[in-house]
Amino acid sequence: MKFISAPQGSAEWLQARAGAITASCFADAVSVLSRASGSKKAGDPTNASDKYAADVAIERISGQPYGEPVKAWTLERGHIMEARARVVYETRFGLIAEESGICKTDDDWFGYSTDGLVDSKGSIEIKAPVASDKIMAMFKTGDTSEYEHQIQGGLWITGREWCDFLMYVPDLESVGNDLFVKRIYRDEKFIEQLELDLMKFRTRVQTTEAMLRRPVAANFDQIKAAA
């Protein structure tokens, strides 16, 4: 494992992620169909998984980030919210969450952009949703399964024992509910299966990359005749 210090969203950070399978996309990477659809059968990779495999393969060829860039205002809001949430967390719990850029496996295949490392065993993952229905659902159920692959994947890559999930809603500060916190511990069984599934996905990325590197023979005679 290795840490690359770069502010999230910066050119250096984007470059460090290029060609790596990142924890924020682990759920898409390992997703499979629950039922047959078109030419695919149950258990086959989803379209989201296929697309992500192609995205990563293209990045590995170009050495550059690929795909639609995140809108500037979204990045700016994310940076502001994360910084504020970190301060509130540190103040209320007397802990220090050290920013750390991106953590990657030694082979550069997998990466995780942690929002902070706490002492020697912990980390934090910050979300600052805008959608009120998502905020209400978290307060009602405390269900973090939507982020399970990202968080457990991050614990796998960093070797940490726990992650404090933070949902930051500054508009609720007046009633003391601006920071929702849930501590999530390593699930070794989940991580073991995730690692197996990610290795299969890596093989698919390699197959996709090999296909994209293969010369495509254009039928020039047919094109000329059609012209």
Protein backbone atom coordinates (compact mmCIF):
# COMPACT_ATOMS: atom_id res chain seq x y z
CA MET A 1 0.00 0.00 0.00
CA LYS A 2 1.16 3.52 -0.75
CA PHE A 3 -0.18 7.01 -0.16
CA ILE A 4 -0.11 9.77 -2.74
CA SER A 5 -0.60 13.22 -1.22
CA ALA A 6 -2.79 15.31 -3.51
CA PRO A 7 -5.91 17.38 -2.83
CA GLN A 8 -9.05 15.58 -3.96
CA GLY A 9 -10.21 16.90 -7.31
CA SER A 10 -6.79 18.33 -8.21
CA ALA A 11 -5.00 17.48 -11.44
CA GLU A 12 -2.48 15.42 -9.45
CA TRP A 13 -5.27 13.50 -7.73
CA LEU A 14 -7.06 12.77 -11.01
CA GLN A 15 -3.81 11.61 -12.57
CA ALA A 16 -3.06 9.30 -9.65
CA ARG A 17 -6.46 7.65 -10.12
CA ALA A 18 -6.14 7.20 -13.88
CA GLY A 19 -6.07 3.50 -14.79
CA ALA A 20 -6.86 2.39 -11.25
CA ILE A 21 -10.04 0.68 -10.08
CA THR A 22 -11.24 3.03 -7.36
CA ALA A 23 -13.30 2.28 -4.27
CA SER A 24 -16.04 4.76 -5.18
CA CYS A 25 -16.76 2.53 -8.20
CA PHE A 26 -16.29 -0.89 -6.56
CA ALA A 27 -20.07 -1.42 -6.39
CA ASP A 28 -20.40 -0.88 -10.15
CA ALA A 29 -17.30 -2.97 -10.87
CA VAL A 30 -18.61 -6.10 -9.17
CA SER A 31 -22.30 -5.65 -9.96
CA VAL A 32 -24.07 -8.53 -11.71
CA LEU A 33 -27.55 -9.03 -13.11
CA SER A 34 -30.12 -10.59 -10.80
CA ARG A 35 -32.16 -11.75 -13.78
CA ALA A 36 -31.68 -12.30 -17.49
CA SER A 37 -31.78 -9.21 -19.68
CA GLY A 38 -31.42 -9.22 -23.46
CA SER A 39 -28.44 -11.37 -24.43
CA LYS A 40 -27.23 -11.56 -20.84
CA LYS A 41 -28.17 -14.11 -18.23
CA ALA A 42 -28.49 -13.79 -14.48
CA GLY A 43 -25.04 -13.47 -12.91
CA ASP A 44 -23.49 -11.72 -15.91
CA PRO A 45 -21.88 -8.30 -15.38
CA THR A 46 -24.25 -5.33 -15.51
CA ASN A 47 -23.98 -2.64 -18.16
CA ALA A 48 -22.51 -0.35 -15.49
CA SER A 49 -19.78 -2.91 -14.83
CA ASP A 50 -19.04 -3.27 -18.55
CA LYS A 51 -18.83 0.50 -18.99
CA TYR A 52 -16.50 0.91 -16.03
CA ALA A 53 -14.23 -1.87 -17.33
CA ALA A 54 -13.98 0.00 -20.64
CA ASP A 55 -13.33 3.32 -18.89
CA VAL A 56 -10.46 1.88 -16.86
CA ALA A 57 -9.02 0.06 -19.89
CA ILE A 58 -8.98 3.30 -21.91
CA GLU A 59 -7.25 5.10 -19.02
CA ARG A 60 -4.61 2.39 -18.87
CA ILE A 61 -3.87 2.92 -22.54
CA SER A 62 -3.88 6.72 -22.53
CA GLY A 63 -2.44 7.21 -19.06
CA GLN A 64 -4.99 10.00 -18.57
CA PRO A 65 -8.33 10.38 -16.77
CA TYR A 66 -11.25 9.43 -19.01
CA GLY A 67 -14.92 10.32 -19.07
CA GLU A 68 -17.11 13.28 -18.26
CA PRO A 69 -15.34 15.53 -15.74
CA VAL A 70 -17.13 16.40 -12.51
CA LYS A 71 -18.70 19.85 -12.73
CA ALA A 72 -16.65 22.60 -11.09
CA TRP A 73 -19.41 23.67 -8.71
CA THR A 74 -19.88 20.08 -7.52
CA LEU A 75 -16.17 19.75 -6.77
CA GLU A 76 -16.09 23.12 -5.02
CA ARG A 77 -19.10 22.29 -2.86
CA GLY A 78 -17.60 18.90 -2.02
CA HIS A 79 -14.33 20.47 -0.88
CA ILE A 80 -16.12 23.03 1.28
CA MET A 81 -18.49 20.52 2.87
CA GLU A 82 -15.72 17.99 3.56
CA ALA A 83 -13.52 20.59 5.22
CA ARG A 84 -16.37 21.80 7.44
CA ALA A 85 -17.49 18.28 8.33
CA ARG A 86 -13.93 17.35 9.29
CA VAL A 87 -13.69 20.32 11.67
CA VAL A 88 -17.05 19.52 13.29
CA TYR A 89 -16.04 15.86 13.72
CA GLU A 90 -12.67 16.71 15.22
CA THR A 91 -14.17 19.27 17.59
CA ARG A 92 -16.99 17.08 18.87
CA PHE A 93 -15.04 13.88 19.26
CA GLY A 94 -11.59 15.21 20.10
CA LEU A 95 -10.04 13.30 17.22
CA ILE A 96 -7.77 14.34 14.37
CA ALA A 97 -8.70 13.25 10.86
CA GLU A 98 -5.57 13.70 8.76
CA GLU A 99 -6.11 14.33 5.06
CA SER A 100 -4.21 11.78 3.00
CA GLY A 101 -4.98 12.07 -0.72
CA ILE A 102 -5.26 8.67 -2.37
CA CYS A 103 -4.12 5.28 -1.10
CA LYS A 104 -3.22 2.67 -3.73
CA THR A 105 -2.22 -0.96 -3.71
CA ASP A 106 1.45 -1.56 -4.50
CA ASP A 107 0.59 -2.77 -8.01
CA ASP A 108 -1.39 0.46 -8.71
CA TRP A 109 -4.48 -1.51 -9.68
CA PHE A 110 -6.75 -0.37 -6.85
CA GLY A 111 -7.18 2.98 -5.11
CA TYR A 112 -9.14 4.66 -2.35
CA SER A 113 -9.43 8.39 -1.69
CA THR A 114 -10.00 8.50 2.04
CA ASP A 115 -11.47 11.67 3.52
CA GLY A 116 -9.19 11.33 6.53
CA LEU A 117 -7.12 8.93 8.62
CA VAL A 118 -7.79 8.80 12.36
CA ASP A 119 -5.01 7.64 14.71
CA SER A 120 -3.51 4.35 13.54
CA LYS A 121 -6.70 2.33 13.13
CA GLY A 122 -9.47 4.51 11.76
CA SER A 123 -10.64 6.59 8.84
CA ILE A 124 -13.59 8.77 7.88
CA GLU A 125 -15.85 8.85 4.84
CA ILE A 126 -17.80 12.10 4.36
CA LYS A 127 -21.03 12.54 2.43
CA ALA A 128 -22.88 15.85 2.14
CA PRO A 129 -26.10 15.03 0.26
CA VAL A 130 -28.38 17.73 -1.09
CA ALA A 131 -31.44 15.51 -1.66
CA SER A 132 -33.73 15.76 1.37
CA ASP A 133 -35.14 12.26 0.82
CA LYS A 134 -31.64 10.78 1.14
CA ILE A 135 -31.05 12.78 4.33
CA MET A 136 -34.36 11.63 5.81
CA ALA A 137 -33.68 8.00 4.91
CA MET A 138 -30.33 8.09 6.74
CA PHE A 139 -31.87 9.60 9.88
CA LYS A 140 -34.73 7.08 9.80
CA THR A 141 -32.77 3.88 9.13
CA GLY A 142 -29.04 4.57 9.47
CA ASP A 143 -28.65 2.33 6.44
CA THR A 144 -25.18 2.78 4.90
CA SER A 145 -25.36 -0.25 2.59
CA GLU A 146 -25.23 2.09 -0.42
CA TYR A 147 -21.62 2.83 0.55
CA GLU A 148 -20.65 -0.65 1.78
CA HIS A 149 -18.39 -1.53 -1.15
CA GLN A 150 -16.63 1.83 -0.98
CA ILE A 151 -16.10 1.76 2.78
CA GLN A 152 -15.14 -1.91 3.13
CA GLY A 153 -12.99 -1.55 0.02
CA GLY A 154 -11.27 1.41 1.63
CA LEU A 155 -10.64 -0.58 4.79
CA TRP A 156 -9.20 -3.38 2.65
CA ILE A 157 -6.79 -1.06 0.81
CA THR A 158 -5.71 1.00 3.83
CA GLY A 159 -5.61 -1.92 6.27
CA ARG A 160 -7.63 0.13 8.75
CA GLU A 161 -9.96 -1.42 11.35
CA TRP A 162 -12.88 0.99 11.22
CA CYS A 163 -14.37 3.89 9.32
CA ASP A 164 -16.61 6.62 10.73
CA PHE A 165 -19.28 7.40 8.14
CA LEU A 166 -20.20 11.08 8.32
CA MET A 167 -23.27 12.64 6.76
CA TYR A 168 -22.94 16.41 6.99
CA VAL A 169 -26.04 18.62 6.75
CA PRO A 170 -25.08 22.16 7.88
CA ASP A 171 -28.70 23.33 7.58
CA LEU A 172 -29.54 21.22 10.65
CA GLU A 173 -26.88 22.83 12.85
CA SER A 174 -29.45 24.83 14.87
CA VAL A 175 -30.93 21.59 16.24
CA GLY A 176 -27.58 19.84 16.66
CA ASN A 177 -28.15 17.34 13.88
CA ASP A 178 -25.70 18.70 11.32
CA LEU A 179 -23.42 15.69 11.67
CA PHE A 180 -24.68 12.12 11.49
CA VAL A 181 -21.98 9.62 12.49
CA LYS A 182 -21.93 5.84 12.24
CA ARG A 183 -18.86 3.74 12.97
CA ILE A 184 -18.39 0.83 10.58
CA TYR A 185 -15.92 -1.96 11.35
CA ARG A 186 -14.06 -4.24 9.00
CA ASP A 187 -16.14 -7.12 7.72
CA GLU A 188 -13.54 -9.71 6.82
CA LYS A 189 -16.03 -12.01 5.13
CA PHE A 190 -17.33 -9.18 2.96
CA ILE A 191 -13.80 -8.01 2.15
CA GLU A 192 -12.71 -11.52 1.19
CA GLN A 193 -15.57 -11.85 -1.31
CA LEU A 194 -15.05 -8.30 -2.56
CA GLU A 195 -11.38 -8.99 -3.25
CA LEU A 196 -12.27 -12.13 -5.22
CA ASP A 197 -14.85 -10.22 -7.26
CA LEU A 198 -12.46 -7.33 -7.89
CA MET A 199 -9.77 -9.71 -9.18
CA LYS A 200 -12.30 -11.07 -11.68
CA PHE A 201 -13.12 -7.51 -12.70
CA ARG A 202 -9.42 -6.73 -13.12
CA THR A 203 -9.16 -9.67 -15.51
CA ARG A 204 -12.05 -8.23 -17.52
CA VAL A 205 -10.28 -4.86 -17.64
CA GLN A 206 -7.14 -6.58 -18.93
CA THR A 207 -9.16 -8.43 -21.58
CA THR A 208 -10.85 -5.18 -22.61
CA GLU A 209 -7.51 -3.37 -22.77
CA ALA A 210 -6.02 -6.12 -24.94
CA MET A 211 -8.97 -5.88 -27.32
CA LEU A 212 -8.64 -2.09 -27.58
CA ARG A 213 -4.92 -2.40 -28.30
CA ARG A 214 -5.54 -4.85 -31.15
CA PRO A 215 -5.26 -3.23 -34.62
CA VAL A 216 -8.58 -2.78 -36.36
CA ALA A 217 -8.31 -3.61 -40.06
CA ALA A 218 -10.37 -1.14 -42.12
CA ASN A 219 -11.82 -2.44 -45.36
CA PHE A 220 -10.56 0.43 -47.53
CA ASP A 221 -11.64 -1.21 -50.81
CA GLN A 222 -15.23 -1.44 -49.59
CA ILE A 223 -15.16 2.18 -48.41
CA LYS A 224 -13.79 3.38 -51.76
CA ALA A 225 -16.38 1.40 -53.66
CA ALA A 226 -19.18 2.87 -51.59
CA ALA A 227 -17.87 6.38 -52.27
